[in-house]
Amino acid sequence: MNDKNYQKILKMSFASVYPHYITKAEKKGRTTQEVNQIIHWLTGYDEKTLLQHLDNKTNFEDFFTQATINPNASKITGVICGYRVEDIEVPLMQQIRYLDKLIDELAKGKAMEKILRE
């Protein structure tokens, strides 16, 4: 990924992408609550903090640098957007792709225990 695209993603508001996560999940019969559960698991944010980030239109960079990433996130593997998540060298980009991968697994019907690496 080139530096220009990376910077564009980091400055993008999390709130602008969040509805797409919800739509992707709901199209496959999953729920907003499940999407939020994944976000809570990955970032350590509770419902109130997540809503504050959405209301404040926090960008991806701040959203992830302020998060407490789940130690089991390193168990997330596979390909998303043409990249192997376990091979992404920039930690912030890897965390963003972790979330993409988890939402993708949710939409593909994977059980929540497996998604949350329990």
C-alpha atoms as a PDB file:
ATOM      1  CA  MET A   1       0.000   0.000   0.000  1.00  0.00           C
ATOM      2  CA  ASN A   2       1.417   3.353  -0.914  1.00  0.00           C
ATOM      3  CA  ASP A   3       1.907   6.090   1.650  1.00  0.00           C
ATOM      4  CA  LYS A   4      -0.783   8.318   0.143  1.00  0.00           C
ATOM      5  CA  ASN A   5      -3.484   5.637   0.469  1.00  0.00           C
ATOM      6  CA  TYR A   6      -2.308   4.791   3.989  1.00  0.00           C
ATOM      7  CA  GLN A   7      -2.569   8.432   5.096  1.00  0.00           C
ATOM      8  CA  LYS A   8      -6.019   8.691   3.491  1.00  0.00           C
ATOM      9  CA  ILE A   9      -7.254   5.671   5.463  1.00  0.00           C
ATOM     10  CA  LEU A  10      -5.808   6.974   8.742  1.00  0.00           C
ATOM     11  CA  LYS A  11      -7.582  10.324   8.347  1.00  0.00           C
ATOM     12  CA  MET A  12     -10.897   8.763   7.358  1.00  0.00           C
ATOM     13  CA  SER A  13     -13.573   9.033  10.038  1.00  0.00           C
ATOM     14  CA  PHE A  14     -14.434   5.726  11.713  1.00  0.00           C
ATOM     15  CA  ALA A  15     -18.069   6.900  11.749  1.00  0.00           C
ATOM     16  CA  SER A  16     -18.038   7.107   7.937  1.00  0.00           C
ATOM     17  CA  VAL A  17     -17.119   3.417   7.610  1.00  0.00           C
ATOM     18  CA  TYR A  18     -19.088   2.013  10.565  1.00  0.00           C
ATOM     19  CA  PRO A  19     -22.446   1.975   8.671  1.00  0.00           C
ATOM     20  CA  HIS A  20     -20.781  -0.145   5.971  1.00  0.00           C
ATOM     21  CA  TYR A  21     -19.753  -2.713   8.617  1.00  0.00           C
ATOM     22  CA  ILE A  22     -23.374  -2.794   9.824  1.00  0.00           C
ATOM     23  CA  THR A  23     -24.795  -3.104   6.295  1.00  0.00           C
ATOM     24  CA  LYS A  24     -22.372  -5.905   5.403  1.00  0.00           C
ATOM     25  CA  ALA A  25     -23.354  -7.834   8.538  1.00  0.00           C
ATOM     26  CA  GLU A  26     -27.109  -7.232   8.243  1.00  0.00           C
ATOM     27  CA  LYS A  27     -27.190  -8.307   4.574  1.00  0.00           C
ATOM     28  CA  LYS A  28     -26.057 -11.713   5.832  1.00  0.00           C
ATOM     29  CA  GLY A  29     -28.521 -11.881   8.723  1.00  0.00           C
ATOM     30  CA  ARG A  30     -26.133 -10.703  11.429  1.00  0.00           C
ATOM     31  CA  THR A  31     -26.789  -7.796  13.823  1.00  0.00           C
ATOM     32  CA  THR A  32     -25.465  -4.394  14.848  1.00  0.00           C
ATOM     33  CA  GLN A  33     -24.950  -5.876  18.324  1.00  0.00           C
ATOM     34  CA  GLU A  34     -22.638  -8.520  16.873  1.00  0.00           C
ATOM     35  CA  VAL A  35     -20.645  -5.874  14.983  1.00  0.00           C
ATOM     36  CA  ASN A  36     -20.343  -3.863  18.203  1.00  0.00           C
ATOM     37  CA  GLN A  37     -19.316  -6.973  20.139  1.00  0.00           C
ATOM     38  CA  ILE A  38     -16.467  -7.497  17.659  1.00  0.00           C
ATOM     39  CA  ILE A  39     -15.396  -3.854  17.974  1.00  0.00           C
ATOM     40  CA  HIS A  40     -15.527  -4.078  21.789  1.00  0.00           C
ATOM     41  CA  TRP A  41     -13.463  -7.276  21.751  1.00  0.00           C
ATOM     42  CA  LEU A  42     -10.813  -5.897  19.399  1.00  0.00           C
ATOM     43  CA  THR A  43     -10.478  -2.382  20.840  1.00  0.00           C
ATOM     44  CA  GLY A  44     -11.470  -2.704  24.491  1.00  0.00           C
ATOM     45  CA  TYR A  45     -14.019   0.096  24.020  1.00  0.00           C
ATOM     46  CA  ASP A  46     -17.324  -0.201  25.847  1.00  0.00           C
ATOM     47  CA  GLU A  47     -20.618   0.878  24.254  1.00  0.00           C
ATOM     48  CA  LYS A  48     -20.388   4.431  25.632  1.00  0.00           C
ATOM     49  CA  THR A  49     -16.836   4.959  24.343  1.00  0.00           C
ATOM     50  CA  LEU A  50     -17.712   3.519  20.927  1.00  0.00           C
ATOM     51  CA  LEU A  51     -20.668   5.909  20.651  1.00  0.00           C
ATOM     52  CA  GLN A  52     -18.435   8.847  21.647  1.00  0.00           C
ATOM     53  CA  HIS A  53     -15.987   7.952  18.870  1.00  0.00           C
ATOM     54  CA  LEU A  54     -18.868   7.736  16.392  1.00  0.00           C
ATOM     55  CA  ASP A  55     -20.361  11.059  17.563  1.00  0.00           C
ATOM     56  CA  ASN A  56     -16.961  12.775  17.481  1.00  0.00           C
ATOM     57  CA  LYS A  57     -16.193  11.329  14.033  1.00  0.00           C
ATOM     58  CA  THR A  58     -12.835  10.091  15.315  1.00  0.00           C
ATOM     59  CA  ASN A  59     -10.446   9.201  12.499  1.00  0.00           C
ATOM     60  CA  PHE A  60      -9.070   5.667  12.165  1.00  0.00           C
ATOM     61  CA  GLU A  61      -5.642   6.686  13.428  1.00  0.00           C
ATOM     62  CA  ASP A  62      -6.988   8.067  16.713  1.00  0.00           C
ATOM     63  CA  PHE A  63      -9.619   5.331  17.014  1.00  0.00           C
ATOM     64  CA  PHE A  64      -6.948   2.634  17.026  1.00  0.00           C
ATOM     65  CA  THR A  65      -4.141   4.465  18.852  1.00  0.00           C
ATOM     66  CA  GLN A  66      -6.530   5.155  21.759  1.00  0.00           C
ATOM     67  CA  ALA A  67      -7.719   1.529  21.820  1.00  0.00           C
ATOM     68  CA  THR A  68      -6.429  -1.297  23.989  1.00  0.00           C
ATOM     69  CA  ILE A  69      -6.025  -3.985  21.327  1.00  0.00           C
ATOM     70  CA  ASN A  70      -7.000  -7.456  22.500  1.00  0.00           C
ATOM     71  CA  PRO A  71      -3.888  -9.612  23.038  1.00  0.00           C
ATOM     72  CA  ASN A  72      -5.591 -12.422  21.075  1.00  0.00           C
ATOM     73  CA  ALA A  73      -5.822 -10.191  17.985  1.00  0.00           C
ATOM     74  CA  SER A  74      -2.531 -11.719  16.838  1.00  0.00           C
ATOM     75  CA  LYS A  75      -4.499 -14.958  16.268  1.00  0.00           C
ATOM     76  CA  ILE A  76      -6.397 -13.259  13.426  1.00  0.00           C
ATOM     77  CA  THR A  77      -5.044 -14.608  10.155  1.00  0.00           C
ATOM     78  CA  GLY A  78      -6.082 -14.745   6.544  1.00  0.00           C
ATOM     79  CA  VAL A  79      -6.482 -12.463   3.563  1.00  0.00           C
ATOM     80  CA  ILE A  80      -8.491  -9.255   3.466  1.00  0.00           C
ATOM     81  CA  CYS A  81      -8.387  -6.704   0.642  1.00  0.00           C
ATOM     82  CA  GLY A  82      -5.589  -8.704  -0.968  1.00  0.00           C
ATOM     83  CA  TYR A  83      -3.317  -8.568   2.091  1.00  0.00           C
ATOM     84  CA  ARG A  84      -2.403 -11.313   4.570  1.00  0.00           C
ATOM     85  CA  VAL A  85      -3.299  -9.651   7.872  1.00  0.00           C
ATOM     86  CA  GLU A  86      -0.578 -11.487   9.773  1.00  0.00           C
ATOM     87  CA  ASP A  87       2.065 -10.113   7.354  1.00  0.00           C
ATOM     88  CA  ILE A  88       1.084  -6.422   7.518  1.00  0.00           C
ATOM     89  CA  GLU A  89       4.095  -4.688   9.026  1.00  0.00           C
ATOM     90  CA  VAL A  90       2.549  -1.342  10.041  1.00  0.00           C
ATOM     91  CA  PRO A  91       0.745  -2.027  13.352  1.00  0.00           C
ATOM     92  CA  LEU A  92      -1.972   0.581  12.829  1.00  0.00           C
ATOM     93  CA  MET A  93      -2.811  -0.712   9.352  1.00  0.00           C
ATOM     94  CA  GLN A  94      -2.778  -4.265  10.690  1.00  0.00           C
ATOM     95  CA  GLN A  95      -5.309  -3.323  13.379  1.00  0.00           C
ATOM     96  CA  ILE A  96      -7.592  -1.711  10.802  1.00  0.00           C
ATOM     97  CA  ARG A  97      -7.385  -4.839   8.654  1.00  0.00           C
ATOM     98  CA  TYR A  98      -8.027  -7.026  11.729  1.00  0.00           C
ATOM     99  CA  LEU A  99     -11.381  -5.291  12.097  1.00  0.00           C
ATOM    100  CA  ASP A 100     -12.106  -5.691   8.379  1.00  0.00           C
ATOM    101  CA  LYS A 101     -11.286  -9.399   8.645  1.00  0.00           C
ATOM    102  CA  LEU A 102     -13.497  -9.940  11.705  1.00  0.00           C
ATOM    103  CA  ILE A 103     -16.461  -8.195  10.060  1.00  0.00           C
ATOM    104  CA  ASP A 104     -15.869 -10.301   6.957  1.00  0.00           C
ATOM    105  CA  GLU A 105     -15.921 -13.488   9.072  1.00  0.00           C
ATOM    106  CA  LEU A 106     -19.168 -12.338  10.713  1.00  0.00           C
ATOM    107  CA  ALA A 107     -20.767 -11.746   7.308  1.00  0.00           C
ATOM    108  CA  LYS A 108     -19.627 -15.188   6.160  1.00  0.00           C
ATOM    109  CA  GLY A 109     -21.597 -16.780   9.008  1.00  0.00           C
ATOM    110  CA  LYS A 110     -18.717 -17.785  11.238  1.00  0.00           C
ATOM    111  CA  ALA A 111     -19.647 -18.509  14.866  1.00  0.00           C
ATOM    112  CA  MET A 112     -18.980 -15.634  17.271  1.00  0.00           C
ATOM    113  CA  GLU A 113     -16.726 -17.796  19.512  1.00  0.00           C
ATOM    114  CA  LYS A 114     -14.463 -18.469  16.523  1.00  0.00           C
ATOM    115  CA  ILE A 115     -14.500 -14.826  15.402  1.00  0.00           C
ATOM    116  CA  LEU A 116     -13.485 -13.717  18.903  1.00  0.00           C
ATOM    117  CA  ARG A 117     -10.750 -16.368  18.995  1.00  0.00           C
ATOM    118  CA  GLU A 118     -12.153 -17.999  22.145  1.00  0.00           C
END
